Amino acid sequence: MSIDPGSVISVEIAATPRSAAARKTLIRVCRKDPQVARKHRQQKRTRPSLQEWIRGGRFWHHRMKSKPAIKLDAGERYTVNATVDVIRDLQSVERYVKVSPT
């Protein structure tokens, strides 16, 4: 896989990853897609912001975590900038993805 750092690439999921490590790596890479990042920011903004209660005379709060807006099904396509860390991550999961220049 020869990808020039700094270029824009298209990542297509060829097969659903079987291992948890490969799923986490692909989620981390695909989260850098500008449309996915925008969706994630919107999810964080629209969720119930804060649940507070008093316990032991102090305020406790719990913020719900939003799930990533990424599907790792075969055929899904994401566009990301090819930085050095993205290239390294894609090389580790190259059997699950097809990478092409945009």
Protein backbone atom coordinates (compact mmCIF):
# COMPACT_ATOMS: atom_id res chain seq x y z
CA MET A 1 0.00 0.00 0.00
CA SER A 2 1.70 3.18 -1.15
CA ILE A 3 -0.05 6.30 0.10
CA ASP A 4 1.50 9.75 0.08
CA PRO A 5 1.20 11.56 3.43
CA GLY A 6 -0.96 14.66 3.15
CA SER A 7 -3.17 13.33 0.38
CA VAL A 8 -6.91 12.72 0.65
CA ILE A 9 -7.88 9.05 0.44
CA SER A 10 -11.09 7.09 0.32
CA VAL A 11 -11.37 4.11 2.66
CA GLU A 12 -13.95 1.45 1.79
CA ILE A 13 -14.77 -1.32 4.25
CA ALA A 14 -14.29 -4.59 2.32
CA ALA A 15 -15.15 -6.98 5.14
CA THR A 16 -16.42 -6.65 8.67
CA PRO A 17 -13.45 -6.91 11.07
CA ARG A 18 -13.53 -9.92 13.36
CA SER A 19 -11.20 -8.84 16.13
CA ALA A 20 -11.98 -6.10 18.63
CA ALA A 21 -8.60 -4.46 17.98
CA ALA A 22 -9.28 -4.17 14.25
CA ARG A 23 -12.74 -2.69 14.93
CA LYS A 24 -11.27 -0.09 17.28
CA THR A 25 -8.56 0.80 14.76
CA LEU A 26 -11.07 1.27 11.95
CA ILE A 27 -13.36 3.34 14.16
CA ARG A 28 -10.40 5.56 15.09
CA VAL A 29 -9.47 6.04 11.42
CA CYS A 30 -13.01 6.55 10.12
CA ARG A 31 -13.81 9.03 12.89
CA LYS A 32 -11.47 11.46 11.10
CA ASP A 33 -13.90 11.79 8.20
CA PRO A 34 -15.23 15.39 8.33
CA GLN A 35 -18.88 14.30 7.95
CA VAL A 36 -18.56 11.74 10.75
CA ALA A 37 -16.84 14.27 13.01
CA ARG A 38 -19.67 16.75 12.35
CA LYS A 39 -22.29 14.10 13.24
CA HIS A 40 -20.38 13.20 16.41
CA ARG A 41 -20.22 16.85 17.52
CA GLN A 42 -23.94 17.21 16.86
CA GLN A 43 -24.72 14.09 18.92
CA LYS A 44 -22.72 15.43 21.83
CA ARG A 45 -24.50 18.77 21.65
CA THR A 46 -28.07 17.42 21.48
CA ARG A 47 -27.86 14.74 24.18
CA PRO A 48 -28.99 15.45 27.74
CA SER A 49 -26.02 17.40 28.94
CA LEU A 50 -25.76 16.66 32.61
CA GLN A 51 -27.40 14.59 35.30
CA GLU A 52 -26.67 15.98 38.75
CA TRP A 53 -27.53 14.83 42.22
CA ILE A 54 -26.30 15.51 45.71
CA ARG A 55 -24.46 12.73 47.49
CA GLY A 56 -22.64 13.21 50.74
CA GLY A 57 -23.14 16.96 50.63
CA ARG A 58 -21.41 17.28 47.25
CA PHE A 59 -22.71 17.54 43.72
CA TRP A 60 -22.15 14.47 41.57
CA HIS A 61 -22.69 14.48 37.85
CA HIS A 62 -22.70 11.95 35.08
CA ARG A 63 -22.29 12.73 31.38
CA MET A 64 -23.52 10.12 28.95
CA LYS A 65 -21.00 9.09 26.29
CA SER A 66 -22.14 9.28 22.69
CA LYS A 67 -21.47 6.33 20.43
CA PRO A 68 -19.45 6.91 17.26
CA ALA A 69 -21.58 7.43 14.14
CA ILE A 70 -19.63 4.80 12.22
CA LYS A 71 -20.86 1.58 10.65
CA LEU A 72 -18.27 -1.07 9.88
CA ASP A 73 -20.39 -2.92 7.35
CA ALA A 74 -18.99 -4.00 4.00
CA GLY A 75 -19.39 -1.27 1.39
CA GLU A 76 -19.27 1.74 3.75
CA ARG A 77 -16.97 4.48 2.45
CA TYR A 78 -15.12 7.22 4.38
CA THR A 79 -12.84 10.02 3.19
CA VAL A 80 -9.86 10.97 5.37
CA ASN A 81 -6.59 12.86 5.15
CA ALA A 82 -3.63 10.49 4.89
CA THR A 83 -1.46 11.41 7.85
CA VAL A 84 1.35 9.19 9.06
CA ASP A 85 -0.73 7.68 11.87
CA VAL A 86 -3.65 6.95 9.52
CA ILE A 87 -1.35 5.22 7.04
CA ARG A 88 0.16 3.08 9.78
CA ASP A 89 -3.29 2.14 11.10
CA LEU A 90 -4.55 1.26 7.62
CA GLN A 91 -1.56 -0.99 7.02
CA SER A 92 -2.43 -2.95 10.16
CA VAL A 93 -6.01 -3.58 8.95
CA GLU A 94 -5.41 -3.73 5.20
CA ARG A 95 -7.23 -7.06 4.82
CA TYR A 96 -10.50 -5.39 5.85
CA VAL A 97 -10.28 -2.21 3.73
CA LYS A 98 -9.79 -0.98 0.16
CA VAL A 99 -7.90 2.30 -0.07
CA SER A 100 -8.03 4.52 -3.13
CA PRO A 101 -6.93 8.11 -3.79
CA THR A 102 -9.71 10.68 -4.06
